[in-house]
Amino acid sequence: MIEIRDLQLLSALARHRHFAKAAEECGISQPAFSMRIRNLEDRLGVSIVRRANRFQGLTEEGAMIVQRARRILDDTKALEQQVLAAKGEITGTLILGVIPTAIAFTGHLIKRLRDAHPRIVTRIETLSSTAIQYRLDEGSIDAGVTYGDSIGTDLRRVQPLYEETYVLLVPTHMTDETGPIPWGRVAEFPLSLLEPQMQNRRILDRIFAEHGLHPDVVAETSGFSASMVMACEGLAATVVPLVLVRALGDLTGTRVLPLVDPVVSKPICLATLIREPELPTVDALRDVVTSLEQ
């Protein structure tokens, strides 16, 4: 008989595409991990993994098994949560993928969820919008906070959260201005921006290209923290979401300048899969978002 633990190991391997990383996530040694996968193949009489010196992907049979395994794991998780919810308490781990620009808002969202359901533990993973869509569909995250115009609505429920607008966070020694400035001025400052594959960076690059601007990018980061520290230290300016600056408050040594001409906004949403049975933790998160709209 196939054990749930074997399905968990196989799902982790398909996600990481690396034996050592998958074994680390699952809390066992790599040799023990590899042996369990090999034993599962022997039990089923098929090859699940294409092997060479390193992981080469799943076989056709392996991909089918992983797809079924994820559904079984999802149903098992839902069953466990529903049994506890029937006792009057929603509990469990909620895995939430969040784009870097929405981390500050997500903290507020999770506080509201925690106030309503103190037994829910939220695990936040900072991901690109593309990764959120992929991992939501494969079932390795329960929900995503992402750009509303980059997520399809087929088999997904999309709930609006807020409109993302942008400001220039600039060291005080670089400018005396205190009011709104046009995007054309942004290119005059040394900039620290997110990495090119991030949706926020693609939005900025599109604006620069549309206005024939050639920004002086001196640093690229996977999140906003490093760029904001560089602004506070007087090394570079950065473009950040207004919601993030509001959450952090005054940042010593910087000015916050709204960006205009044009005023750019992007819809941020909560995306969840439409599935049966639903996870009580996901339903609880949806309810919190609905309460924000009222």
Protein backbone atom coordinates (compact mmCIF):
# COMPACT_ATOMS: atom_id res chain seq x y z
CA MET A 1 0.00 0.00 0.00
CA ILE A 2 1.24 3.49 -0.85
CA GLU A 3 1.84 5.62 2.23
CA ILE A 4 0.93 9.31 2.51
CA ARG A 5 4.53 9.99 3.51
CA ASP A 6 5.76 8.62 0.16
CA LEU A 7 3.39 10.96 -1.65
CA GLN A 8 4.70 13.90 0.38
CA LEU A 9 8.28 13.03 -0.55
CA LEU A 10 7.38 12.66 -4.22
CA SER A 11 5.54 15.98 -4.26
CA ALA A 12 8.54 17.73 -2.69
CA LEU A 13 10.87 16.19 -5.27
CA ALA A 14 8.66 17.36 -8.15
CA ARG A 15 8.60 20.87 -6.69
CA HIS A 16 12.33 21.22 -5.97
CA ARG A 17 13.59 19.03 -8.85
CA HIS A 18 16.55 18.25 -6.59
CA PHE A 19 16.95 15.26 -4.25
CA ALA A 20 18.98 17.05 -1.55
CA LYS A 21 16.66 20.07 -1.36
CA ALA A 22 13.55 17.90 -1.28
CA ALA A 23 15.06 15.68 1.43
CA GLU A 24 15.97 18.74 3.50
CA GLU A 25 12.42 20.08 3.28
CA CYS A 26 11.03 16.71 4.35
CA GLY A 27 13.44 16.40 7.27
CA ILE A 28 15.22 13.19 6.27
CA SER A 29 18.65 12.34 4.88
CA GLN A 30 19.15 12.26 1.13
CA PRO A 31 20.04 8.53 1.07
CA ALA A 32 16.86 7.69 3.03
CA PHE A 33 14.84 9.95 0.73
CA SER A 34 16.24 8.33 -2.41
CA MET A 35 15.63 4.85 -1.00
CA ARG A 36 11.96 5.60 -0.32
CA ILE A 37 11.46 6.90 -3.87
CA ARG A 38 13.21 3.79 -5.24
CA ASN A 39 11.06 1.51 -3.05
CA LEU A 40 7.93 3.29 -4.29
CA GLU A 41 9.00 2.67 -7.89
CA ASP A 42 9.58 -1.01 -7.10
CA ARG A 43 6.19 -1.28 -5.42
CA LEU A 44 4.39 0.29 -8.41
CA GLY A 45 6.54 -1.44 -11.02
CA VAL A 46 7.30 1.79 -12.94
CA SER A 47 10.09 4.35 -13.13
CA ILE A 48 8.99 7.66 -11.61
CA VAL A 49 12.23 9.62 -11.91
CA ARG A 50 14.65 9.95 -14.82
CA ARG A 51 18.08 9.58 -13.26
CA ALA A 52 21.62 10.39 -14.32
CA ASN A 53 24.28 12.15 -12.23
CA ARG A 54 21.46 14.39 -11.00
CA PHE A 55 17.68 14.74 -11.18
CA GLN A 56 16.61 14.75 -14.84
CA GLY A 57 12.86 15.15 -14.37
CA LEU A 58 9.87 12.86 -14.06
CA THR A 59 8.93 10.08 -16.45
CA GLU A 60 5.50 10.24 -18.09
CA GLU A 61 4.21 7.79 -15.49
CA GLY A 62 5.90 9.79 -12.75
CA ALA A 63 4.19 13.03 -13.81
CA MET A 64 0.81 11.27 -13.71
CA ILE A 65 1.55 9.84 -10.26
CA VAL A 66 2.62 13.25 -8.93
CA GLN A 67 -0.57 14.83 -10.25
CA ARG A 68 -2.69 12.24 -8.47
CA ALA A 69 -0.51 12.43 -5.37
CA ARG A 70 -1.09 16.18 -5.07
CA ARG A 71 -4.86 15.69 -5.25
CA ILE A 72 -4.68 13.01 -2.55
CA LEU A 73 -2.53 15.23 -0.32
CA ASP A 74 -4.90 18.15 -0.89
CA ASP A 75 -7.92 16.01 0.01
CA THR A 76 -6.13 14.70 3.11
CA LYS A 77 -5.31 18.23 4.24
CA ALA A 78 -8.90 19.32 3.64
CA LEU A 79 -10.25 16.33 5.58
CA GLU A 80 -8.03 17.06 8.58
CA GLN A 81 -9.04 20.73 8.62
CA GLN A 82 -12.74 19.97 8.15
CA VAL A 83 -12.77 17.49 11.05
CA LEU A 84 -11.27 20.14 13.32
CA ALA A 85 -13.59 22.83 11.94
CA ALA A 86 -16.58 20.60 12.78
CA LYS A 87 -15.47 20.86 16.40
CA GLY A 88 -15.83 24.62 16.17
CA GLU A 89 -12.23 25.66 15.57
CA ILE A 90 -10.43 26.35 12.31
CA THR A 91 -6.80 25.31 12.56
CA GLY A 92 -3.98 24.32 10.25
CA THR A 93 -1.16 25.81 8.19
CA LEU A 94 -2.02 28.24 5.40
CA ILE A 95 0.72 28.55 2.75
CA LEU A 96 0.55 31.97 1.12
CA GLY A 97 2.62 33.09 -1.88
CA VAL A 98 3.12 36.86 -1.97
CA ILE A 99 4.74 39.18 -4.51
CA PRO A 100 7.42 41.41 -2.88
CA THR A 101 5.41 44.61 -3.36
CA ALA A 102 2.50 43.23 -1.31
CA ILE A 103 4.40 41.97 1.76
CA ALA A 104 3.44 44.97 3.92
CA PHE A 105 -0.27 44.70 3.08
CA THR A 106 -0.15 40.95 3.64
CA GLY A 107 1.06 41.54 7.20
CA HIS A 108 -2.12 43.55 7.83
CA LEU A 109 -4.23 40.85 6.18
CA ILE A 110 -2.71 38.08 8.29
CA LYS A 111 -3.27 40.08 11.49
CA ARG A 112 -6.97 40.22 10.64
CA LEU A 113 -6.97 36.48 9.96
CA ARG A 114 -5.12 35.79 13.19
CA ASP A 115 -7.58 37.89 15.19
CA ALA A 116 -10.48 35.87 13.79
CA HIS A 117 -8.80 32.44 13.87
CA PRO A 118 -5.84 32.31 16.29
CA ARG A 119 -5.09 28.65 15.58
CA ILE A 120 -4.28 29.22 11.89
CA VAL A 121 -0.53 29.35 11.23
CA THR A 122 0.40 31.27 8.08
CA ARG A 123 3.57 30.49 6.14
CA ILE A 124 4.44 33.35 3.79
CA GLU A 125 6.68 32.74 0.79
CA THR A 126 7.90 35.69 -1.30
CA LEU A 127 7.46 34.70 -4.95
CA SER A 128 7.20 36.24 -8.39
CA SER A 129 3.74 36.54 -9.93
CA THR A 130 4.65 33.77 -12.40
CA ALA A 131 5.73 31.44 -9.60
CA ILE A 132 2.54 32.16 -7.67
CA GLN A 133 0.36 31.15 -10.61
CA TYR A 134 2.39 27.97 -11.22
CA ARG A 135 2.54 26.89 -7.58
CA LEU A 136 -1.12 27.69 -6.98
CA ASP A 137 -2.08 25.43 -9.87
CA GLU A 138 0.22 22.61 -8.73
CA GLY A 139 -1.16 22.86 -5.18
CA SER A 140 2.07 23.70 -3.32
CA ILE A 141 0.60 26.99 -2.03
CA ASP A 142 -2.95 27.55 -0.80
CA ALA A 143 -3.41 31.16 -1.94
CA GLY A 144 -1.53 33.98 -3.61
CA VAL A 145 -1.39 37.74 -3.20
CA THR A 146 -0.45 38.88 -6.68
CA TYR A 147 -1.19 41.20 -9.59
CA GLY A 148 -4.81 40.94 -10.66
CA ASP A 149 -3.97 41.45 -14.32
CA SER A 150 -1.44 38.60 -14.39
CA ILE A 151 -3.59 35.80 -12.97
CA GLY A 152 -6.21 33.96 -15.01
CA THR A 153 -9.67 33.32 -13.56
CA ASP A 154 -10.10 29.81 -14.99
CA LEU A 155 -10.52 27.50 -11.98
CA ARG A 156 -9.40 30.35 -9.72
CA ARG A 157 -11.28 32.79 -7.52
CA VAL A 158 -9.87 36.32 -7.63
CA GLN A 159 -10.75 38.89 -4.94
CA PRO A 160 -9.55 42.50 -5.33
CA LEU A 161 -7.43 43.86 -2.47
CA TYR A 162 -6.11 47.33 -3.40
CA GLU A 163 -4.52 49.42 -6.14
CA GLU A 164 -0.73 49.50 -6.05
CA THR A 165 0.76 52.97 -6.70
CA TYR A 166 4.41 54.02 -6.61
CA VAL A 167 6.69 56.58 -4.99
CA LEU A 168 10.36 57.44 -5.32
CA LEU A 169 12.33 56.85 -2.12
CA VAL A 170 15.37 59.07 -2.55
CA PRO A 171 18.25 60.05 -0.22
CA THR A 172 17.79 63.62 1.05
CA HIS A 173 21.20 64.72 -0.23
CA MET A 174 20.18 63.89 -3.82
CA THR A 175 17.26 66.35 -4.06
CA ASP A 176 15.55 69.22 -2.26
CA GLU A 177 12.16 68.42 -3.79
CA THR A 178 9.27 67.47 -1.54
CA GLY A 179 6.30 67.20 -3.90
CA PRO A 180 5.27 64.89 -6.75
CA ILE A 181 7.78 64.45 -9.57
CA PRO A 182 7.35 63.02 -13.08
CA TRP A 183 8.68 59.58 -14.02
CA GLY A 184 11.10 61.33 -16.36
CA ARG A 185 13.04 62.58 -13.36
CA VAL A 186 13.49 59.09 -11.91
CA ALA A 187 16.08 58.24 -14.56
CA GLU A 188 18.28 61.08 -13.26
CA PHE A 189 19.04 59.23 -10.00
CA PRO A 190 21.18 56.13 -9.41
CA LEU A 191 18.61 53.40 -8.79
CA SER A 192 18.36 50.13 -6.92
CA LEU A 193 15.47 48.07 -8.32
CA LEU A 194 14.07 44.55 -8.16
CA GLU A 195 15.54 41.88 -10.41
CA PRO A 196 14.40 41.90 -14.08
CA GLN A 197 12.27 38.74 -13.79
CA MET A 198 10.04 40.28 -11.10
CA GLN A 199 6.71 41.69 -12.28
CA ASN A 200 7.28 45.00 -10.47
CA ARG A 201 10.55 45.50 -12.38
CA ARG A 202 8.84 44.65 -15.66
CA ILE A 203 6.22 47.31 -14.91
CA LEU A 204 8.92 49.91 -14.28
CA ASP A 205 10.93 48.90 -17.34
CA ARG A 206 7.81 49.28 -19.47
CA ILE A 207 7.22 52.80 -18.15
CA PHE A 208 10.85 53.77 -18.79
CA ALA A 209 10.73 52.35 -22.33
CA GLU A 210 7.45 54.11 -23.15
CA HIS A 211 9.02 57.44 -22.19
CA GLY A 212 12.35 56.79 -23.88
CA LEU A 213 14.17 56.79 -20.53
CA HIS A 214 17.44 55.01 -19.76
CA PRO A 215 17.65 54.65 -15.96
CA ASP A 216 20.97 54.29 -14.18
CA VAL A 217 20.44 50.98 -12.37
CA VAL A 218 23.34 50.46 -9.94
CA ALA A 219 21.89 47.48 -8.02
CA GLU A 220 19.26 44.75 -8.44
CA THR A 221 17.68 42.91 -5.51
CA SER A 222 15.20 40.08 -4.90
CA GLY A 223 13.25 42.16 -2.38
CA PHE A 224 12.79 45.76 -1.29
CA SER A 225 14.71 45.63 2.00
CA ALA A 226 18.19 46.03 0.49
CA SER A 227 17.09 48.81 -1.84
CA MET A 228 15.45 50.73 1.00
CA VAL A 229 18.55 50.38 3.17
CA MET A 230 20.63 51.72 0.28
CA ALA A 231 18.31 54.74 0.10
CA CYS A 232 18.62 55.33 3.84
CA GLU A 233 22.41 55.08 3.54
CA GLY A 234 22.45 57.63 0.71
CA LEU A 235 23.70 55.22 -1.96
CA ALA A 236 20.77 55.03 -4.39
CA ALA A 237 17.12 55.91 -4.86
CA THR A 238 14.46 53.26 -5.40
CA VAL A 239 10.86 53.00 -6.60
CA VAL A 240 8.61 51.32 -4.05
CA PRO A 241 4.86 50.81 -3.52
CA LEU A 242 3.17 53.51 -1.46
CA VAL A 243 1.59 50.86 0.79
CA LEU A 244 5.06 49.67 1.84
CA VAL A 245 6.26 53.16 2.80
CA ARG A 246 3.09 53.79 4.78
CA ALA A 247 3.56 50.55 6.70
CA LEU A 248 7.17 51.35 7.65
CA GLY A 249 6.69 55.03 8.51
CA ASP A 250 9.48 57.62 8.43
CA LEU A 251 12.75 56.37 6.95
CA THR A 252 15.68 58.44 8.18
CA GLY A 253 17.70 60.21 5.51
CA THR A 254 15.13 59.84 2.72
CA ARG A 255 12.36 61.74 0.97
CA VAL A 256 9.18 60.10 -0.33
CA LEU A 257 8.09 61.66 -3.63
CA PRO A 258 4.84 60.58 -5.35
CA LEU A 259 5.34 59.71 -9.02
CA VAL A 260 3.17 61.38 -11.66
CA ASP A 261 3.00 61.88 -15.43
CA PRO A 262 1.70 59.25 -15.54
CA VAL A 263 0.12 58.13 -12.26
CA VAL A 264 0.50 54.35 -12.49
CA SER A 265 -1.60 51.87 -10.56
CA LYS A 266 -1.84 48.08 -10.67
CA PRO A 267 -4.58 45.91 -9.11
CA ILE A 268 -3.48 43.55 -6.32
CA CYS A 269 -5.70 40.57 -5.57
CA LEU A 270 -6.05 37.41 -3.54
CA ALA A 271 -6.08 34.35 -5.83
CA THR A 272 -7.28 30.95 -4.63
CA LEU A 273 -8.19 27.75 -6.45
CA ILE A 274 -11.83 26.75 -6.86
CA ARG A 275 -11.82 23.19 -5.57
CA GLU A 276 -13.93 20.62 -3.78
CA PRO A 277 -13.57 20.12 -0.91
CA GLU A 278 -12.45 23.61 0.07
CA LEU A 279 -9.82 24.11 2.76
CA PRO A 280 -11.38 25.75 5.84
CA THR A 281 -8.23 27.86 6.24
CA VAL A 282 -8.65 29.21 2.69
CA ASP A 283 -12.35 29.89 3.29
CA ALA A 284 -11.40 31.81 6.44
CA LEU A 285 -8.90 33.93 4.49
CA ARG A 286 -11.51 34.66 1.81
CA ASP A 287 -13.95 35.77 4.51
CA VAL A 288 -11.36 38.18 5.93
CA VAL A 289 -10.83 39.69 2.46
CA THR A 290 -14.59 40.03 2.01
CA SER A 291 -14.80 41.89 5.33
CA LEU A 292 -12.16 44.35 4.11
CA GLU A 293 -14.37 45.19 1.13
CA GLN A 294 -17.33 46.12 3.35
